[in-house]
Amino acid sequence: MAYEAEVDLDVLKAFEEFNKTTPTILKIYPSGDLYMEDFWKAGGGVPRILENLQTILDTDVLTCTGKSMIENINSYRYTFPPNDEIIRKPDNPFSPTGGYSCYAREFSPRYGHQQASSNP
């Protein structure tokens, strides 16, 4: 998208940097034994991920709802209670780093590939 929008951004380098500083707090198939339904029932899916990672996110950004991310996080009403063994907190991650690797420069200078992690 950055390339098509003519934004001067090294996307692969950005992903590599985020990968180094973002903990793995969820492991769903193929990296783990759980599926998307488990992720949702583990306490709320993506909204719970955002809540758990809010200390490393820019939560002041405006979202497509017209509200800031922090307003959305604070107003979300969960259907299921949290399960910290499925969606973990950043201080107790499955791994202190992210679960994706970018391969590109050898294959193509403008495009990349993300590979899901098999971190134990």
C-alpha atoms as a PDB file:
ATOM      1  CA  MET A   1       0.000   0.000   0.000  1.00  0.00           C
ATOM      2  CA  ALA A   2       2.843   2.381   0.832  1.00  0.00           C
ATOM      3  CA  TYR A   3       4.367   1.780  -2.584  1.00  0.00           C
ATOM      4  CA  GLU A   4       1.076   2.400  -4.404  1.00  0.00           C
ATOM      5  CA  ALA A   5       0.447   5.552  -2.338  1.00  0.00           C
ATOM      6  CA  GLU A   6       3.989   6.698  -3.186  1.00  0.00           C
ATOM      7  CA  VAL A   7       4.850   6.968   0.514  1.00  0.00           C
ATOM      8  CA  ASP A   8       8.576   6.808   1.216  1.00  0.00           C
ATOM      9  CA  LEU A   9       8.471   3.977   3.736  1.00  0.00           C
ATOM     10  CA  ASP A  10      10.576   0.840   3.956  1.00  0.00           C
ATOM     11  CA  VAL A  11       7.691  -1.415   4.944  1.00  0.00           C
ATOM     12  CA  LEU A  12       9.816  -4.516   5.408  1.00  0.00           C
ATOM     13  CA  LYS A  13      12.211  -2.678   7.700  1.00  0.00           C
ATOM     14  CA  ALA A  14       9.245  -1.312   9.684  1.00  0.00           C
ATOM     15  CA  PHE A  15       7.842  -4.837  10.100  1.00  0.00           C
ATOM     16  CA  GLU A  16      11.253  -6.094  11.202  1.00  0.00           C
ATOM     17  CA  GLU A  17      11.473  -3.340  13.835  1.00  0.00           C
ATOM     18  CA  PHE A  18       7.912  -3.902  15.109  1.00  0.00           C
ATOM     19  CA  ASN A  19       8.630  -7.624  15.275  1.00  0.00           C
ATOM     20  CA  LYS A  20      11.563  -6.966  17.623  1.00  0.00           C
ATOM     21  CA  THR A  21       9.517  -4.832  20.045  1.00  0.00           C
ATOM     22  CA  THR A  22       6.060  -6.446  20.001  1.00  0.00           C
ATOM     23  CA  PRO A  23       5.518  -9.492  22.218  1.00  0.00           C
ATOM     24  CA  THR A  24       3.637 -12.566  21.049  1.00  0.00           C
ATOM     25  CA  ILE A  25       0.570 -12.620  23.319  1.00  0.00           C
ATOM     26  CA  LEU A  26      -1.601 -15.005  21.265  1.00  0.00           C
ATOM     27  CA  LYS A  27      -0.855 -18.271  19.501  1.00  0.00           C
ATOM     28  CA  ILE A  28      -3.555 -19.529  17.171  1.00  0.00           C
ATOM     29  CA  TYR A  29      -3.291 -22.081  14.404  1.00  0.00           C
ATOM     30  CA  PRO A  30      -0.834 -22.648  12.663  1.00  0.00           C
ATOM     31  CA  SER A  31       1.508 -21.364  15.408  1.00  0.00           C
ATOM     32  CA  GLY A  32      -0.591 -22.783  18.237  1.00  0.00           C
ATOM     33  CA  ASP A  33      -3.284 -25.330  18.975  1.00  0.00           C
ATOM     34  CA  LEU A  34      -6.173 -22.862  19.158  1.00  0.00           C
ATOM     35  CA  TYR A  35      -8.492 -21.613  16.412  1.00  0.00           C
ATOM     36  CA  MET A  36     -10.212 -18.283  15.714  1.00  0.00           C
ATOM     37  CA  GLU A  37     -13.307 -19.288  17.703  1.00  0.00           C
ATOM     38  CA  ASP A  38     -11.091 -19.933  20.736  1.00  0.00           C
ATOM     39  CA  PHE A  39      -9.488 -16.522  20.203  1.00  0.00           C
ATOM     40  CA  TRP A  40     -12.922 -14.863  20.281  1.00  0.00           C
ATOM     41  CA  LYS A  41     -14.161 -16.866  23.272  1.00  0.00           C
ATOM     42  CA  ALA A  42     -10.878 -16.273  25.097  1.00  0.00           C
ATOM     43  CA  GLY A  43     -12.073 -12.888  26.041  1.00  0.00           C
ATOM     44  CA  GLY A  44     -12.972 -10.814  23.060  1.00  0.00           C
ATOM     45  CA  GLY A  45     -10.629 -11.338  20.132  1.00  0.00           C
ATOM     46  CA  VAL A  46      -9.028  -8.262  18.562  1.00  0.00           C
ATOM     47  CA  PRO A  47     -10.490  -5.778  21.081  1.00  0.00           C
ATOM     48  CA  ARG A  48      -8.784  -7.722  23.913  1.00  0.00           C
ATOM     49  CA  ILE A  49      -5.500  -7.729  21.964  1.00  0.00           C
ATOM     50  CA  LEU A  50      -5.720  -3.943  21.579  1.00  0.00           C
ATOM     51  CA  GLU A  51      -6.520  -3.556  25.274  1.00  0.00           C
ATOM     52  CA  ASN A  52      -3.588  -5.746  26.301  1.00  0.00           C
ATOM     53  CA  LEU A  53      -1.133  -3.987  23.964  1.00  0.00           C
ATOM     54  CA  GLN A  54      -2.330  -0.420  24.562  1.00  0.00           C
ATOM     55  CA  THR A  55       0.880   0.527  26.395  1.00  0.00           C
ATOM     56  CA  ILE A  56       2.848   0.087  23.152  1.00  0.00           C
ATOM     57  CA  LEU A  57       0.219   1.482  20.774  1.00  0.00           C
ATOM     58  CA  ASP A  58      -0.518   5.082  19.846  1.00  0.00           C
ATOM     59  CA  THR A  59      -4.030   5.030  21.276  1.00  0.00           C
ATOM     60  CA  ASP A  60      -4.707   8.684  20.449  1.00  0.00           C
ATOM     61  CA  VAL A  61      -5.075   7.899  16.733  1.00  0.00           C
ATOM     62  CA  LEU A  62      -8.460   8.472  15.162  1.00  0.00           C
ATOM     63  CA  THR A  63     -10.160   5.283  13.961  1.00  0.00           C
ATOM     64  CA  CYS A  64     -12.842   4.621  11.340  1.00  0.00           C
ATOM     65  CA  THR A  65     -15.464   4.906  14.113  1.00  0.00           C
ATOM     66  CA  GLY A  66     -14.668   8.608  14.446  1.00  0.00           C
ATOM     67  CA  LYS A  67     -13.316   7.975  17.959  1.00  0.00           C
ATOM     68  CA  SER A  68      -9.766   7.501  19.174  1.00  0.00           C
ATOM     69  CA  MET A  69      -8.439   3.997  19.695  1.00  0.00           C
ATOM     70  CA  ILE A  70      -8.429   4.492  23.479  1.00  0.00           C
ATOM     71  CA  GLU A  71     -12.089   5.597  23.390  1.00  0.00           C
ATOM     72  CA  ASN A  72     -12.939   2.419  21.470  1.00  0.00           C
ATOM     73  CA  ILE A  73     -10.934   0.255  23.884  1.00  0.00           C
ATOM     74  CA  ASN A  74     -12.577   1.826  26.931  1.00  0.00           C
ATOM     75  CA  SER A  75     -16.119   1.607  25.549  1.00  0.00           C
ATOM     76  CA  TYR A  76     -15.971  -1.975  24.224  1.00  0.00           C
ATOM     77  CA  ARG A  77     -18.280  -4.414  26.048  1.00  0.00           C
ATOM     78  CA  TYR A  78     -16.945  -7.966  26.022  1.00  0.00           C
ATOM     79  CA  THR A  79     -19.153 -11.027  25.565  1.00  0.00           C
ATOM     80  CA  PHE A  80     -16.711 -13.357  27.315  1.00  0.00           C
ATOM     81  CA  PRO A  81     -14.486 -12.894  30.373  1.00  0.00           C
ATOM     82  CA  PRO A  82     -10.711 -12.623  29.830  1.00  0.00           C
ATOM     83  CA  ASN A  83      -8.576 -15.747  29.687  1.00  0.00           C
ATOM     84  CA  ASP A  84      -4.967 -14.747  30.331  1.00  0.00           C
ATOM     85  CA  GLU A  85      -3.665 -18.159  29.275  1.00  0.00           C
ATOM     86  CA  ILE A  86      -4.998 -17.720  25.740  1.00  0.00           C
ATOM     87  CA  ILE A  87      -4.632 -13.963  25.236  1.00  0.00           C
ATOM     88  CA  ARG A  88      -1.710 -13.081  27.457  1.00  0.00           C
ATOM     89  CA  LYS A  89      -0.552  -9.780  28.909  1.00  0.00           C
ATOM     90  CA  PRO A  90       2.660  -8.228  27.530  1.00  0.00           C
ATOM     91  CA  ASP A  91       4.457  -8.922  30.820  1.00  0.00           C
ATOM     92  CA  ASN A  92       3.796 -12.686  30.391  1.00  0.00           C
ATOM     93  CA  PRO A  93       4.050 -13.273  26.617  1.00  0.00           C
ATOM     94  CA  PHE A  94       4.533 -16.521  24.759  1.00  0.00           C
ATOM     95  CA  SER A  95       7.606 -14.797  23.308  1.00  0.00           C
ATOM     96  CA  PRO A  96       9.082 -11.332  23.941  1.00  0.00           C
ATOM     97  CA  THR A  97       9.222 -10.720  20.196  1.00  0.00           C
ATOM     98  CA  GLY A  98       6.713 -10.961  17.380  1.00  0.00           C
ATOM     99  CA  GLY A  99       5.786 -14.010  15.364  1.00  0.00           C
ATOM    100  CA  TYR A 100       6.452 -12.913  11.784  1.00  0.00           C
ATOM    101  CA  SER A 101       9.528 -12.818   9.632  1.00  0.00           C
ATOM    102  CA  CYS A 102       9.919 -10.806   6.448  1.00  0.00           C
ATOM    103  CA  TYR A 103      11.817 -12.244   3.545  1.00  0.00           C
ATOM    104  CA  ALA A 104      12.291 -10.033   0.582  1.00  0.00           C
ATOM    105  CA  ARG A 105      15.446  -8.343  -0.473  1.00  0.00           C
ATOM    106  CA  GLU A 106      16.928 -11.460  -2.075  1.00  0.00           C
ATOM    107  CA  PHE A 107      13.705 -12.241  -3.918  1.00  0.00           C
ATOM    108  CA  SER A 108      12.407  -8.830  -4.868  1.00  0.00           C
ATOM    109  CA  PRO A 109      13.505  -5.337  -3.846  1.00  0.00           C
ATOM    110  CA  ARG A 110       9.939  -3.957  -3.598  1.00  0.00           C
ATOM    111  CA  TYR A 111       7.884  -6.835  -2.239  1.00  0.00           C
ATOM    112  CA  GLY A 112       8.080  -9.142   0.711  1.00  0.00           C
ATOM    113  CA  HIS A 113       6.641 -12.227   2.271  1.00  0.00           C
ATOM    114  CA  GLN A 114       5.556 -12.746   5.843  1.00  0.00           C
ATOM    115  CA  GLN A 115       5.939 -16.135   7.399  1.00  0.00           C
ATOM    116  CA  ALA A 116       3.926 -17.098  10.461  1.00  0.00           C
ATOM    117  CA  SER A 117       6.140 -18.076  13.343  1.00  0.00           C
ATOM    118  CA  SER A 118       6.586 -21.500  14.712  1.00  0.00           C
ATOM    119  CA  ASN A 119       7.914 -20.178  18.026  1.00  0.00           C
ATOM    120  CA  PRO A 120       7.323 -22.783  20.712  1.00  0.00           C
END
